[in-house]
N, C-alpha and C. Protein backbone atom coordinates (compact mmCIF):
# COMPACT_ATOMS: atom_id res chain seq x y z
N UNK A 1 84.28 89.52 107.04
CA UNK A 1 83.63 89.62 105.75
C UNK A 1 83.39 88.21 105.19
N UNK A 2 82.17 87.93 104.83
CA UNK A 2 81.82 86.62 104.27
C UNK A 2 82.25 86.55 102.81
N UNK A 3 82.64 85.37 102.40
CA UNK A 3 83.03 85.16 101.00
C UNK A 3 81.78 84.98 100.15
N UNK A 4 81.78 85.59 98.99
CA UNK A 4 80.69 85.42 98.04
C UNK A 4 81.14 84.39 97.01
N UNK A 5 80.67 83.17 97.18
CA UNK A 5 81.14 82.06 96.34
C UNK A 5 80.70 82.18 94.89
N UNK A 6 79.62 82.90 94.63
CA UNK A 6 79.23 83.07 93.23
C UNK A 6 80.21 83.99 92.50
N UNK A 7 80.71 85.02 93.19
CA UNK A 7 81.71 85.90 92.58
C UNK A 7 83.04 85.17 92.44
N UNK A 8 83.40 84.38 93.44
CA UNK A 8 84.62 83.57 93.36
C UNK A 8 84.53 82.65 92.14
N UNK A 9 83.39 82.01 91.97
CA UNK A 9 83.19 81.13 90.83
C UNK A 9 83.28 81.86 89.51
N UNK A 10 82.73 83.08 89.46
CA UNK A 10 82.81 83.89 88.24
C UNK A 10 84.26 84.21 87.90
N UNK A 11 85.04 84.55 88.93
CA UNK A 11 86.45 84.87 88.68
C UNK A 11 87.21 83.65 88.19
N UNK A 12 86.91 82.50 88.77
CA UNK A 12 87.55 81.26 88.31
C UNK A 12 87.20 81.01 86.86
N UNK A 13 85.94 81.14 86.52
CA UNK A 13 85.50 80.91 85.15
C UNK A 13 86.17 81.89 84.19
N UNK A 14 86.21 83.17 84.56
CA UNK A 14 86.85 84.18 83.70
C UNK A 14 88.32 83.86 83.47
N UNK A 15 89.01 83.46 84.54
CA UNK A 15 90.44 83.13 84.42
C UNK A 15 90.62 81.89 83.54
N UNK A 16 89.72 80.92 83.69
CA UNK A 16 89.79 79.70 82.87
C UNK A 16 89.58 80.03 81.41
N UNK A 17 88.58 80.84 81.12
CA UNK A 17 88.29 81.23 79.74
C UNK A 17 89.43 82.06 79.14
N UNK A 18 90.06 82.90 79.97
CA UNK A 18 91.18 83.71 79.49
C UNK A 18 92.35 82.83 79.07
N UNK A 19 92.45 81.65 79.66
CA UNK A 19 93.50 80.68 79.30
C UNK A 19 93.03 79.71 78.21
N UNK A 20 91.84 79.95 77.68
CA UNK A 20 91.26 79.08 76.65
C UNK A 20 91.18 77.62 77.08
N UNK A 21 90.80 77.41 78.33
CA UNK A 21 90.63 76.06 78.86
C UNK A 21 89.15 75.75 79.00
N UNK A 22 88.78 74.51 78.69
CA UNK A 22 87.43 74.06 78.95
C UNK A 22 87.34 73.62 80.41
N UNK A 23 86.13 73.44 80.88
CA UNK A 23 85.98 72.89 82.23
C UNK A 23 86.62 71.52 82.31
N UNK A 24 86.48 70.74 81.25
CA UNK A 24 87.06 69.40 81.21
C UNK A 24 88.59 69.47 81.35
N UNK A 25 89.21 70.39 80.61
CA UNK A 25 90.67 70.54 80.67
C UNK A 25 91.13 70.87 82.08
N UNK A 26 90.51 71.89 82.67
CA UNK A 26 90.93 72.34 84.00
C UNK A 26 90.65 71.29 85.06
N UNK A 27 89.48 70.68 85.00
CA UNK A 27 89.14 69.64 85.98
C UNK A 27 90.14 68.50 85.95
N UNK A 28 90.53 68.10 84.76
CA UNK A 28 91.50 67.01 84.62
C UNK A 28 92.85 67.41 85.21
N UNK A 29 93.27 68.64 84.97
CA UNK A 29 94.59 69.10 85.43
C UNK A 29 94.68 69.15 86.96
N UNK A 30 93.56 69.41 87.64
CA UNK A 30 93.61 69.49 89.11
C UNK A 30 92.89 68.30 89.77
N UNK A 31 92.56 67.30 88.95
CA UNK A 31 92.01 66.04 89.44
C UNK A 31 90.71 66.20 90.23
N UNK A 32 89.76 66.92 89.60
CA UNK A 32 88.41 67.00 90.16
C UNK A 32 87.44 66.69 89.03
N UNK A 33 86.19 66.45 89.38
CA UNK A 33 85.20 66.15 88.34
C UNK A 33 84.74 67.44 87.66
N UNK A 34 84.31 67.30 86.43
CA UNK A 34 83.77 68.44 85.69
C UNK A 34 82.52 68.97 86.40
N UNK A 35 81.71 68.06 86.92
CA UNK A 35 80.49 68.47 87.63
C UNK A 35 80.84 69.34 88.84
N UNK A 36 81.89 68.95 89.59
CA UNK A 36 82.30 69.73 90.75
C UNK A 36 82.80 71.11 90.33
N UNK A 37 83.64 71.15 89.29
CA UNK A 37 84.14 72.44 88.81
C UNK A 37 82.98 73.33 88.35
N UNK A 38 82.02 72.76 87.69
CA UNK A 38 80.84 73.51 87.26
C UNK A 38 80.11 74.11 88.46
N UNK A 39 79.95 73.31 89.52
CA UNK A 39 79.28 73.81 90.73
C UNK A 39 80.10 74.92 91.38
N UNK A 40 81.43 74.78 91.38
CA UNK A 40 82.31 75.82 91.95
C UNK A 40 82.14 77.11 91.15
N UNK A 41 82.15 77.01 89.83
CA UNK A 41 82.02 78.20 88.98
C UNK A 41 80.66 78.88 89.14
N UNK A 42 79.64 78.12 89.50
CA UNK A 42 78.32 78.70 89.73
C UNK A 42 78.15 79.19 91.17
N UNK A 43 79.13 78.89 92.03
CA UNK A 43 79.06 79.31 93.43
C UNK A 43 78.28 78.36 94.31
N UNK A 44 77.97 77.16 93.80
CA UNK A 44 77.18 76.19 94.55
C UNK A 44 78.02 75.25 95.39
N UNK A 45 79.33 75.19 95.13
CA UNK A 45 80.25 74.35 95.91
C UNK A 45 81.48 75.17 96.24
N UNK A 46 82.14 74.80 97.32
CA UNK A 46 83.33 75.51 97.77
C UNK A 46 84.56 74.67 97.44
N UNK A 47 85.61 75.32 97.01
CA UNK A 47 86.85 74.63 96.67
C UNK A 47 87.80 74.76 97.86
N UNK A 48 88.53 73.69 98.18
CA UNK A 48 89.45 73.77 99.31
C UNK A 48 90.72 74.51 98.92
N UNK A 49 91.52 74.87 99.91
CA UNK A 49 92.70 75.70 99.66
C UNK A 49 93.74 75.00 98.79
N UNK A 50 93.88 73.70 98.95
CA UNK A 50 94.85 72.96 98.13
C UNK A 50 94.45 73.06 96.65
N UNK A 51 93.21 72.80 96.34
CA UNK A 51 92.73 72.88 94.96
C UNK A 51 92.77 74.32 94.45
N UNK A 52 92.42 75.26 95.31
CA UNK A 52 92.46 76.67 94.91
C UNK A 52 93.88 77.06 94.51
N UNK A 53 94.86 76.63 95.29
CA UNK A 53 96.26 76.92 94.98
C UNK A 53 96.66 76.31 93.64
N UNK A 54 96.27 75.07 93.40
CA UNK A 54 96.58 74.41 92.13
C UNK A 54 95.93 75.17 90.97
N UNK A 55 94.68 75.50 91.16
CA UNK A 55 93.92 76.21 90.13
C UNK A 55 94.57 77.55 89.81
N UNK A 56 94.96 78.30 90.82
CA UNK A 56 95.56 79.61 90.62
C UNK A 56 96.89 79.50 89.89
N UNK A 57 97.69 78.50 90.22
CA UNK A 57 98.97 78.31 89.52
C UNK A 57 98.72 78.00 88.05
N UNK A 58 97.75 77.16 87.75
CA UNK A 58 97.45 76.81 86.35
C UNK A 58 96.89 77.99 85.57
N UNK A 59 96.12 78.83 86.23
CA UNK A 59 95.47 79.94 85.55
C UNK A 59 96.27 81.24 85.62
N UNK A 60 97.41 81.21 86.32
CA UNK A 60 98.27 82.39 86.47
C UNK A 60 97.54 83.57 87.10
N UNK A 61 96.78 83.29 88.16
CA UNK A 61 96.12 84.34 88.93
C UNK A 61 96.44 84.11 90.40
N UNK A 62 96.32 85.15 91.20
CA UNK A 62 96.61 85.01 92.63
C UNK A 62 95.37 84.52 93.39
N UNK A 63 95.62 83.90 94.51
CA UNK A 63 94.52 83.48 95.38
C UNK A 63 93.75 84.71 95.85
N UNK A 64 94.47 85.81 96.11
CA UNK A 64 93.83 87.05 96.54
C UNK A 64 92.83 87.56 95.52
N UNK A 65 93.21 87.46 94.24
CA UNK A 65 92.29 87.91 93.20
C UNK A 65 91.05 87.03 93.18
N UNK A 66 91.22 85.71 93.22
CA UNK A 66 90.08 84.80 93.16
C UNK A 66 89.17 85.02 94.37
N UNK A 67 89.74 85.18 95.55
CA UNK A 67 88.93 85.29 96.76
C UNK A 67 88.28 86.65 96.95
N UNK A 68 88.98 87.71 96.60
CA UNK A 68 88.38 89.03 96.88
C UNK A 68 88.59 90.06 95.79
N UNK A 69 89.08 89.65 94.64
CA UNK A 69 89.24 90.58 93.53
C UNK A 69 90.46 91.47 93.66
N UNK A 70 91.25 91.25 94.71
CA UNK A 70 92.39 92.12 94.96
C UNK A 70 93.61 91.69 94.17
N UNK A 71 94.09 92.60 93.40
CA UNK A 71 95.36 92.43 92.71
C UNK A 71 95.99 93.79 92.68
N UNK A 72 96.60 94.17 93.78
CA UNK A 72 97.09 95.54 93.93
C UNK A 72 98.16 95.89 92.91
N UNK A 73 98.69 94.89 92.21
CA UNK A 73 99.68 95.17 91.17
C UNK A 73 99.02 95.66 89.89
N UNK A 74 97.76 95.39 89.72
CA UNK A 74 97.08 95.69 88.46
C UNK A 74 96.70 97.17 88.40
N UNK A 75 96.79 97.72 87.20
CA UNK A 75 96.39 99.11 86.99
C UNK A 75 94.88 99.26 87.08
N UNK A 76 94.15 98.20 86.77
CA UNK A 76 92.69 98.27 86.75
C UNK A 76 92.09 97.59 87.98
N UNK A 77 92.71 97.81 89.11
CA UNK A 77 92.30 97.23 90.38
C UNK A 77 90.80 97.47 90.63
N UNK A 78 90.03 96.42 90.66
CA UNK A 78 88.58 96.42 90.93
C UNK A 78 87.73 97.15 89.89
N UNK A 79 88.30 97.53 88.76
CA UNK A 79 87.51 98.23 87.75
C UNK A 79 86.29 97.44 87.31
N UNK A 80 86.48 96.17 87.01
CA UNK A 80 85.37 95.36 86.53
C UNK A 80 84.30 95.20 87.60
N UNK A 81 84.72 94.97 88.85
CA UNK A 81 83.76 94.80 89.93
C UNK A 81 82.91 96.06 90.11
N UNK A 82 83.57 97.24 90.08
CA UNK A 82 82.81 98.48 90.19
C UNK A 82 81.88 98.67 89.00
N UNK A 83 82.38 98.37 87.83
CA UNK A 83 81.56 98.52 86.62
C UNK A 83 80.32 97.62 86.69
N UNK A 84 80.52 96.36 87.07
CA UNK A 84 79.40 95.43 87.19
C UNK A 84 78.41 95.89 88.25
N UNK A 85 78.93 96.37 89.36
CA UNK A 85 78.07 96.85 90.44
C UNK A 85 77.20 98.01 89.96
N UNK A 86 77.82 98.97 89.29
CA UNK A 86 77.09 100.15 88.84
C UNK A 86 76.07 99.84 87.75
N UNK A 87 76.37 98.87 86.90
CA UNK A 87 75.43 98.50 85.83
C UNK A 87 74.10 98.02 86.40
N UNK A 88 74.15 97.43 87.59
CA UNK A 88 72.95 96.86 88.19
C UNK A 88 72.21 97.85 89.09
N UNK A 89 72.64 99.10 89.11
CA UNK A 89 72.02 100.11 89.97
C UNK A 89 71.25 101.13 89.14
N UNK A 90 70.24 101.69 89.77
CA UNK A 90 69.49 102.78 89.13
C UNK A 90 70.40 104.01 89.04
N UNK A 91 69.99 104.99 88.24
CA UNK A 91 70.75 106.23 88.10
C UNK A 91 70.90 106.93 89.44
N UNK A 92 69.84 106.93 90.24
CA UNK A 92 69.91 107.56 91.56
C UNK A 92 70.93 106.88 92.46
N UNK A 93 70.93 105.55 92.44
CA UNK A 93 71.90 104.82 93.26
C UNK A 93 73.32 105.04 92.75
N UNK A 94 73.50 105.12 91.44
CA UNK A 94 74.82 105.38 90.88
C UNK A 94 75.35 106.73 91.37
N UNK A 95 74.47 107.75 91.38
CA UNK A 95 74.87 109.08 91.85
C UNK A 95 75.26 109.03 93.33
N UNK A 96 74.49 108.31 94.12
CA UNK A 96 74.78 108.19 95.55
C UNK A 96 76.13 107.50 95.77
N UNK A 97 76.36 106.40 95.06
CA UNK A 97 77.63 105.67 95.18
C UNK A 97 78.79 106.58 94.77
N UNK A 98 78.62 107.31 93.68
CA UNK A 98 79.66 108.22 93.22
C UNK A 98 79.97 109.27 94.28
N UNK A 99 78.92 109.88 94.85
CA UNK A 99 79.13 110.93 95.86
C UNK A 99 79.82 110.40 97.11
N UNK A 100 79.44 109.21 97.54
CA UNK A 100 80.08 108.61 98.72
C UNK A 100 81.54 108.28 98.40
N UNK A 101 81.79 107.69 97.23
CA UNK A 101 83.16 107.34 96.84
C UNK A 101 84.02 108.60 96.72
N UNK A 102 83.44 109.67 96.19
CA UNK A 102 84.18 110.92 96.03
C UNK A 102 84.60 111.49 97.39
N UNK A 103 83.70 111.46 98.35
CA UNK A 103 84.02 111.94 99.71
C UNK A 103 85.15 111.10 100.31
N UNK A 104 85.06 109.79 100.15
CA UNK A 104 86.10 108.91 100.69
C UNK A 104 87.44 109.15 100.00
N UNK A 105 87.41 109.27 98.68
CA UNK A 105 88.64 109.44 97.90
C UNK A 105 89.32 110.77 98.22
N UNK A 106 88.55 111.80 98.51
CA UNK A 106 89.11 113.11 98.78
C UNK A 106 89.50 113.32 100.24
N UNK A 107 89.13 112.39 101.11
CA UNK A 107 89.46 112.50 102.53
C UNK A 107 90.97 112.26 102.73
N UNK A 108 91.53 112.96 103.67
CA UNK A 108 92.96 112.79 103.93
C UNK A 108 93.22 111.84 105.03
């Protein structure tokens, strides 16, 4: 599975905003430029694992959440991702997604 860097960047930005940090604050704390952090948040640049680990510790989020949205401890596991996905679909596509998900969920 390929990583979607724009979604990774969105998650980083959301976590940063949840901590009431500016890009300047976060960039300074992990010793990167504001321009680089901005590119990461837009999905135009990739962050290395060392910086990702530092960022996750500062923002109190897991690497798994940043990379793939997985936080199996959370009650709302992937709720936002599904909601965002469905908002961008036509009514017909929403019905199809629902029917496929229902079949999968009910399978033993």
